[in-house]
């Protein structure tokens, strides 16, 4: 299933006239007529997308344009618990590939170890226990605050941008 923004949806993007939740606004931003429901699922927590799409449809902010010729309309089965199946044309990403996720999780742990030394060991252990991109994102939000109290603003922003982009 594919969705597009209606004129009301584009006006909402420009003016923020309605009282949308952060989730509903994020989904509205992501709707582009190209991303399938399965692709949109990678940007929200499990179970949140149907309600957000239903609200945006009810408000007239998005409209269904049918299906993509290149994809099945059903959601694909997860490749592992907490992971979303990638579209066939996509390269493996941490949010869709268990193997890529393991690499990113190790990079995050290595970053903390490098920046904080032995003081970061408990954080590294907590990072290593994360089993999904969503769990790691949640953990890294806390790590970002902790790193921000001990490192420069630039280092903290680089950390957040780098790992945030990888896990979406």
C-alpha atoms as a PDB file:
ATOM      1  CA  UNK A   1       0.000   0.000   0.000  1.00  0.00           C
ATOM      2  CA  UNK A   2       1.266   3.471  -0.887  1.00  0.00           C
ATOM      3  CA  UNK A   3       0.139   6.827   0.494  1.00  0.00           C
ATOM      4  CA  UNK A   4       0.504  10.433  -0.672  1.00  0.00           C
ATOM      5  CA  UNK A   5      -0.029  13.738   1.105  1.00  0.00           C
ATOM      6  CA  UNK A   6      -3.244  15.540   0.221  1.00  0.00           C
ATOM      7  CA  UNK A   7      -3.418  19.314  -0.176  1.00  0.00           C
ATOM      8  CA  UNK A   8      -4.457  19.435   3.486  1.00  0.00           C
ATOM      9  CA  UNK A   9      -1.422  17.308   4.371  1.00  0.00           C
ATOM     10  CA  UNK A  10       0.941  19.628   2.524  1.00  0.00           C
ATOM     11  CA  UNK A  11      -0.700  22.627   4.232  1.00  0.00           C
ATOM     12  CA  UNK A  12      -0.214  20.930   7.595  1.00  0.00           C
ATOM     13  CA  UNK A  13       3.468  20.435   6.785  1.00  0.00           C
ATOM     14  CA  UNK A  14       3.803  24.141   6.054  1.00  0.00           C
ATOM     15  CA  UNK A  15       1.720  25.519   8.896  1.00  0.00           C
ATOM     16  CA  UNK A  16       1.263  23.019  11.726  1.00  0.00           C
ATOM     17  CA  UNK A  17      -2.402  23.951  12.033  1.00  0.00           C
ATOM     18  CA  UNK A  18      -3.553  20.689  13.602  1.00  0.00           C
ATOM     19  CA  UNK A  19      -2.622  19.121  16.860  1.00  0.00           C
ATOM     20  CA  UNK A  20      -0.736  16.057  15.565  1.00  0.00           C
ATOM     21  CA  UNK A  21       1.332  13.875  17.851  1.00  0.00           C
ATOM     22  CA  UNK A  22       5.054  13.583  17.154  1.00  0.00           C
ATOM     23  CA  UNK A  23       4.439  10.103  15.715  1.00  0.00           C
ATOM     24  CA  UNK A  24       1.633  11.286  13.427  1.00  0.00           C
ATOM     25  CA  UNK A  25       3.750  14.210  12.218  1.00  0.00           C
ATOM     26  CA  UNK A  26       6.734  11.913  11.553  1.00  0.00           C
ATOM     27  CA  UNK A  27       4.566   9.550   9.504  1.00  0.00           C
ATOM     28  CA  UNK A  28       3.081  12.506   7.606  1.00  0.00           C
ATOM     29  CA  UNK A  29       6.595  13.729   6.799  1.00  0.00           C
ATOM     30  CA  UNK A  30       7.634  10.265   5.597  1.00  0.00           C
ATOM     31  CA  UNK A  31       4.616   9.688   3.354  1.00  0.00           C
ATOM     32  CA  UNK A  32       5.814  10.398  -0.186  1.00  0.00           C
ATOM     33  CA  UNK A  33       3.957   8.063  -2.548  1.00  0.00           C
ATOM     34  CA  UNK A  34       7.053   5.869  -2.854  1.00  0.00           C
ATOM     35  CA  UNK A  35       7.509   4.258   0.569  1.00  0.00           C
ATOM     36  CA  UNK A  36       5.382   1.199   1.152  1.00  0.00           C
ATOM     37  CA  UNK A  37       3.704   0.491   4.456  1.00  0.00           C
ATOM     38  CA  UNK A  38       6.535  -1.943   5.131  1.00  0.00           C
ATOM     39  CA  UNK A  39       9.147   0.760   4.501  1.00  0.00           C
ATOM     40  CA  UNK A  40       7.312   3.205   6.799  1.00  0.00           C
ATOM     41  CA  UNK A  41       7.268   0.543   9.537  1.00  0.00           C
ATOM     42  CA  UNK A  42      11.061   0.896   9.892  1.00  0.00           C
ATOM     43  CA  UNK A  43      10.601   4.437  11.247  1.00  0.00           C
ATOM     44  CA  UNK A  44       8.165   3.674  14.073  1.00  0.00           C
ATOM     45  CA  UNK A  45       7.812   1.229  16.936  1.00  0.00           C
ATOM     46  CA  UNK A  46       6.063  -2.056  16.315  1.00  0.00           C
ATOM     47  CA  UNK A  47       2.299  -1.575  16.317  1.00  0.00           C
ATOM     48  CA  UNK A  48       2.290   2.240  16.055  1.00  0.00           C
ATOM     49  CA  UNK A  49       1.963   2.648  12.282  1.00  0.00           C
ATOM     50  CA  UNK A  50      -1.623   1.443  11.710  1.00  0.00           C
ATOM     51  CA  UNK A  51      -3.076   3.921  14.221  1.00  0.00           C
ATOM     52  CA  UNK A  52      -1.022   6.818  12.859  1.00  0.00           C
ATOM     53  CA  UNK A  53      -1.996   6.054   9.253  1.00  0.00           C
ATOM     54  CA  UNK A  54      -5.646   5.653  10.226  1.00  0.00           C
ATOM     55  CA  UNK A  55      -5.633   9.041  11.987  1.00  0.00           C
ATOM     56  CA  UNK A  56      -3.942  10.785   9.039  1.00  0.00           C
ATOM     57  CA  UNK A  57      -6.423   9.187   6.615  1.00  0.00           C
ATOM     58  CA  UNK A  58      -9.380  10.172   8.827  1.00  0.00           C
ATOM     59  CA  UNK A  59      -8.105  13.765   9.018  1.00  0.00           C
ATOM     60  CA  UNK A  60      -7.716  13.859   5.225  1.00  0.00           C
ATOM     61  CA  UNK A  61      -3.984  14.556   5.409  1.00  0.00           C
ATOM     62  CA  UNK A  62      -2.991  11.508   3.356  1.00  0.00           C
ATOM     63  CA  UNK A  63      -4.685   9.377   0.755  1.00  0.00           C
ATOM     64  CA  UNK A  64      -4.115   5.831  -0.412  1.00  0.00           C
ATOM     65  CA  UNK A  65      -2.940   5.445  -3.990  1.00  0.00           C
ATOM     66  CA  UNK A  66      -3.065   1.667  -4.084  1.00  0.00           C
ATOM     67  CA  UNK A  67      -0.106  -0.617  -4.310  1.00  0.00           C
ATOM     68  CA  UNK A  68       3.400  -0.496  -5.626  1.00  0.00           C
ATOM     69  CA  UNK A  69       3.909  -2.674  -8.680  1.00  0.00           C
ATOM     70  CA  UNK A  70       7.244  -3.882  -7.318  1.00  0.00           C
ATOM     71  CA  UNK A  71       6.113  -4.909  -3.829  1.00  0.00           C
ATOM     72  CA  UNK A  72       3.636  -7.164  -2.129  1.00  0.00           C
ATOM     73  CA  UNK A  73       0.895  -5.269  -0.282  1.00  0.00           C
ATOM     74  CA  UNK A  74       1.247  -7.408   2.827  1.00  0.00           C
ATOM     75  CA  UNK A  75       3.835  -6.546   5.445  1.00  0.00           C
ATOM     76  CA  UNK A  76       6.861  -8.772   5.121  1.00  0.00           C
ATOM     77  CA  UNK A  77       7.753 -10.983   8.039  1.00  0.00           C
ATOM     78  CA  UNK A  78      10.487  -9.620  10.309  1.00  0.00           C
ATOM     79  CA  UNK A  79      13.953 -11.007   9.582  1.00  0.00           C
ATOM     80  CA  UNK A  80      14.579 -11.300  13.339  1.00  0.00           C
ATOM     81  CA  UNK A  81      12.753 -10.076  16.445  1.00  0.00           C
ATOM     82  CA  UNK A  82      12.828  -6.260  16.416  1.00  0.00           C
ATOM     83  CA  UNK A  83      13.961  -6.006  12.769  1.00  0.00           C
ATOM     84  CA  UNK A  84      11.953  -5.073   9.686  1.00  0.00           C
ATOM     85  CA  UNK A  85      12.427  -6.845   6.356  1.00  0.00           C
ATOM     86  CA  UNK A  86      14.240  -4.612   3.860  1.00  0.00           C
ATOM     87  CA  UNK A  87      12.846  -3.759   0.478  1.00  0.00           C
ATOM     88  CA  UNK A  88      14.560  -5.853  -2.205  1.00  0.00           C
ATOM     89  CA  UNK A  89      16.339  -2.829  -3.742  1.00  0.00           C
ATOM     90  CA  UNK A  90      17.726  -1.598  -0.413  1.00  0.00           C
ATOM     91  CA  UNK A  91      21.237  -2.379   0.721  1.00  0.00           C
ATOM     92  CA  UNK A  92      21.342  -4.032   4.150  1.00  0.00           C
ATOM     93  CA  UNK A  93      21.027  -1.454   6.942  1.00  0.00           C
ATOM     94  CA  UNK A  94      21.282  -1.837  10.722  1.00  0.00           C
ATOM     95  CA  UNK A  95      17.513  -1.392  11.014  1.00  0.00           C
ATOM     96  CA  UNK A  96      16.827  -4.202   8.535  1.00  0.00           C
ATOM     97  CA  UNK A  97      19.787  -6.567   8.799  1.00  0.00           C
ATOM     98  CA  UNK A  98      20.764  -8.432  11.945  1.00  0.00           C
ATOM     99  CA  UNK A  99      24.380  -8.655  10.727  1.00  0.00           C
ATOM    100  CA  UNK A 100      24.626  -4.899  10.086  1.00  0.00           C
ATOM    101  CA  UNK A 101      23.001  -4.212  13.445  1.00  0.00           C
ATOM    102  CA  UNK A 102      25.704  -6.230  15.224  1.00  0.00           C
ATOM    103  CA  UNK A 103      28.378  -4.099  13.499  1.00  0.00           C
ATOM    104  CA  UNK A 104      26.712  -0.824  14.520  1.00  0.00           C
ATOM    105  CA  UNK A 105      26.202  -2.038  18.076  1.00  0.00           C
ATOM    106  CA  UNK A 106      29.936  -2.840  18.252  1.00  0.00           C
ATOM    107  CA  UNK A 107      30.819   0.590  16.792  1.00  0.00           C
ATOM    108  CA  UNK A 108      28.712   2.290  19.470  1.00  0.00           C
ATOM    109  CA  UNK A 109      30.378   0.257  22.188  1.00  0.00           C
ATOM    110  CA  UNK A 110      33.829   1.022  20.752  1.00  0.00           C
ATOM    111  CA  UNK A 111      33.001   4.754  20.624  1.00  0.00           C
ATOM    112  CA  UNK A 112      31.999   4.800  24.294  1.00  0.00           C
ATOM    113  CA  UNK A 113      35.083   2.780  25.264  1.00  0.00           C
ATOM    114  CA  UNK A 114      37.353   5.144  23.319  1.00  0.00           C
ATOM    115  CA  UNK A 115      35.810   8.338  24.708  1.00  0.00           C
ATOM    116  CA  UNK A 116      35.182   7.291  28.309  1.00  0.00           C
ATOM    117  CA  UNK A 117      37.738   4.545  28.933  1.00  0.00           C
ATOM    118  CA  UNK A 118      37.107   2.261  31.896  1.00  0.00           C
ATOM    119  CA  UNK A 119      34.361   4.599  33.171  1.00  0.00           C
ATOM    120  CA  UNK A 120      32.327   3.608  30.103  1.00  0.00           C
ATOM    121  CA  UNK A 121      32.539  -0.160  30.713  1.00  0.00           C
ATOM    122  CA  UNK A 122      29.019  -0.483  32.275  1.00  0.00           C
ATOM    123  CA  UNK A 123      27.591   1.463  29.334  1.00  0.00           C
ATOM    124  CA  UNK A 124      29.424  -0.786  26.855  1.00  0.00           C
ATOM    125  CA  UNK A 125      27.962  -3.850  28.571  1.00  0.00           C
ATOM    126  CA  UNK A 126      24.457  -2.360  28.372  1.00  0.00           C
ATOM    127  CA  UNK A 127      24.951  -1.545  24.670  1.00  0.00           C
ATOM    128  CA  UNK A 128      26.114  -5.120  24.028  1.00  0.00           C
ATOM    129  CA  UNK A 129      22.882  -6.455  25.590  1.00  0.00           C
ATOM    130  CA  UNK A 130      20.663  -4.551  23.110  1.00  0.00           C
ATOM    131  CA  UNK A 131      18.883  -6.986  20.784  1.00  0.00           C
ATOM    132  CA  UNK A 132      17.167  -4.660  18.297  1.00  0.00           C
ATOM    133  CA  UNK A 133      17.621  -1.274  16.606  1.00  0.00           C
ATOM    134  CA  UNK A 134      14.768   0.180  18.687  1.00  0.00           C
ATOM    135  CA  UNK A 135      16.346  -1.028  21.918  1.00  0.00           C
ATOM    136  CA  UNK A 136      19.757   0.323  20.892  1.00  0.00           C
ATOM    137  CA  UNK A 137      18.238   3.698  19.856  1.00  0.00           C
ATOM    138  CA  UNK A 138      16.640   3.983  23.285  1.00  0.00           C
ATOM    139  CA  UNK A 139      19.919   3.085  25.001  1.00  0.00           C
ATOM    140  CA  UNK A 140      21.903   5.537  22.879  1.00  0.00           C
ATOM    141  CA  UNK A 141      19.583   8.408  23.825  1.00  0.00           C
ATOM    142  CA  UNK A 142      20.720   7.936  27.409  1.00  0.00           C
ATOM    143  CA  UNK A 143      24.326   7.473  26.316  1.00  0.00           C
ATOM    144  CA  UNK A 144      24.098  10.727  24.348  1.00  0.00           C
ATOM    145  CA  UNK A 145      23.113  12.596  27.507  1.00  0.00           C
ATOM    146  CA  UNK A 146      25.907  10.938  29.475  1.00  0.00           C
ATOM    147  CA  UNK A 147      28.496  11.653  26.750  1.00  0.00           C
ATOM    148  CA  UNK A 148      27.186  15.221  26.459  1.00  0.00           C
ATOM    149  CA  UNK A 149      27.987  15.833  30.119  1.00  0.00           C
ATOM    150  CA  UNK A 150      31.581  14.728  29.604  1.00  0.00           C
ATOM    151  CA  UNK A 151      32.476  15.621  26.022  1.00  0.00           C
ATOM    152  CA  UNK A 152      32.215  18.637  23.759  1.00  0.00           C
ATOM    153  CA  UNK A 153      28.954  19.616  22.101  1.00  0.00           C
ATOM    154  CA  UNK A 154      30.479  18.747  18.710  1.00  0.00           C
ATOM    155  CA  UNK A 155      31.415  15.220  19.833  1.00  0.00           C
ATOM    156  CA  UNK A 156      27.951  14.666  21.291  1.00  0.00           C
ATOM    157  CA  UNK A 157      26.227  15.918  18.126  1.00  0.00           C
ATOM    158  CA  UNK A 158      28.483  13.799  15.908  1.00  0.00           C
ATOM    159  CA  UNK A 159      27.659  10.749  18.034  1.00  0.00           C
ATOM    160  CA  UNK A 160      23.903  11.390  17.850  1.00  0.00           C
ATOM    161  CA  UNK A 161      23.887  12.115  14.104  1.00  0.00           C
ATOM    162  CA  UNK A 162      26.068   9.144  13.190  1.00  0.00           C
ATOM    163  CA  UNK A 163      24.283   6.440  15.174  1.00  0.00           C
ATOM    164  CA  UNK A 164      20.807   7.960  14.791  1.00  0.00           C
ATOM    165  CA  UNK A 165      21.140   7.893  11.001  1.00  0.00           C
ATOM    166  CA  UNK A 166      22.414   4.321  11.011  1.00  0.00           C
ATOM    167  CA  UNK A 167      19.555   2.965  13.106  1.00  0.00           C
ATOM    168  CA  UNK A 168      16.621   4.495  11.191  1.00  0.00           C
END
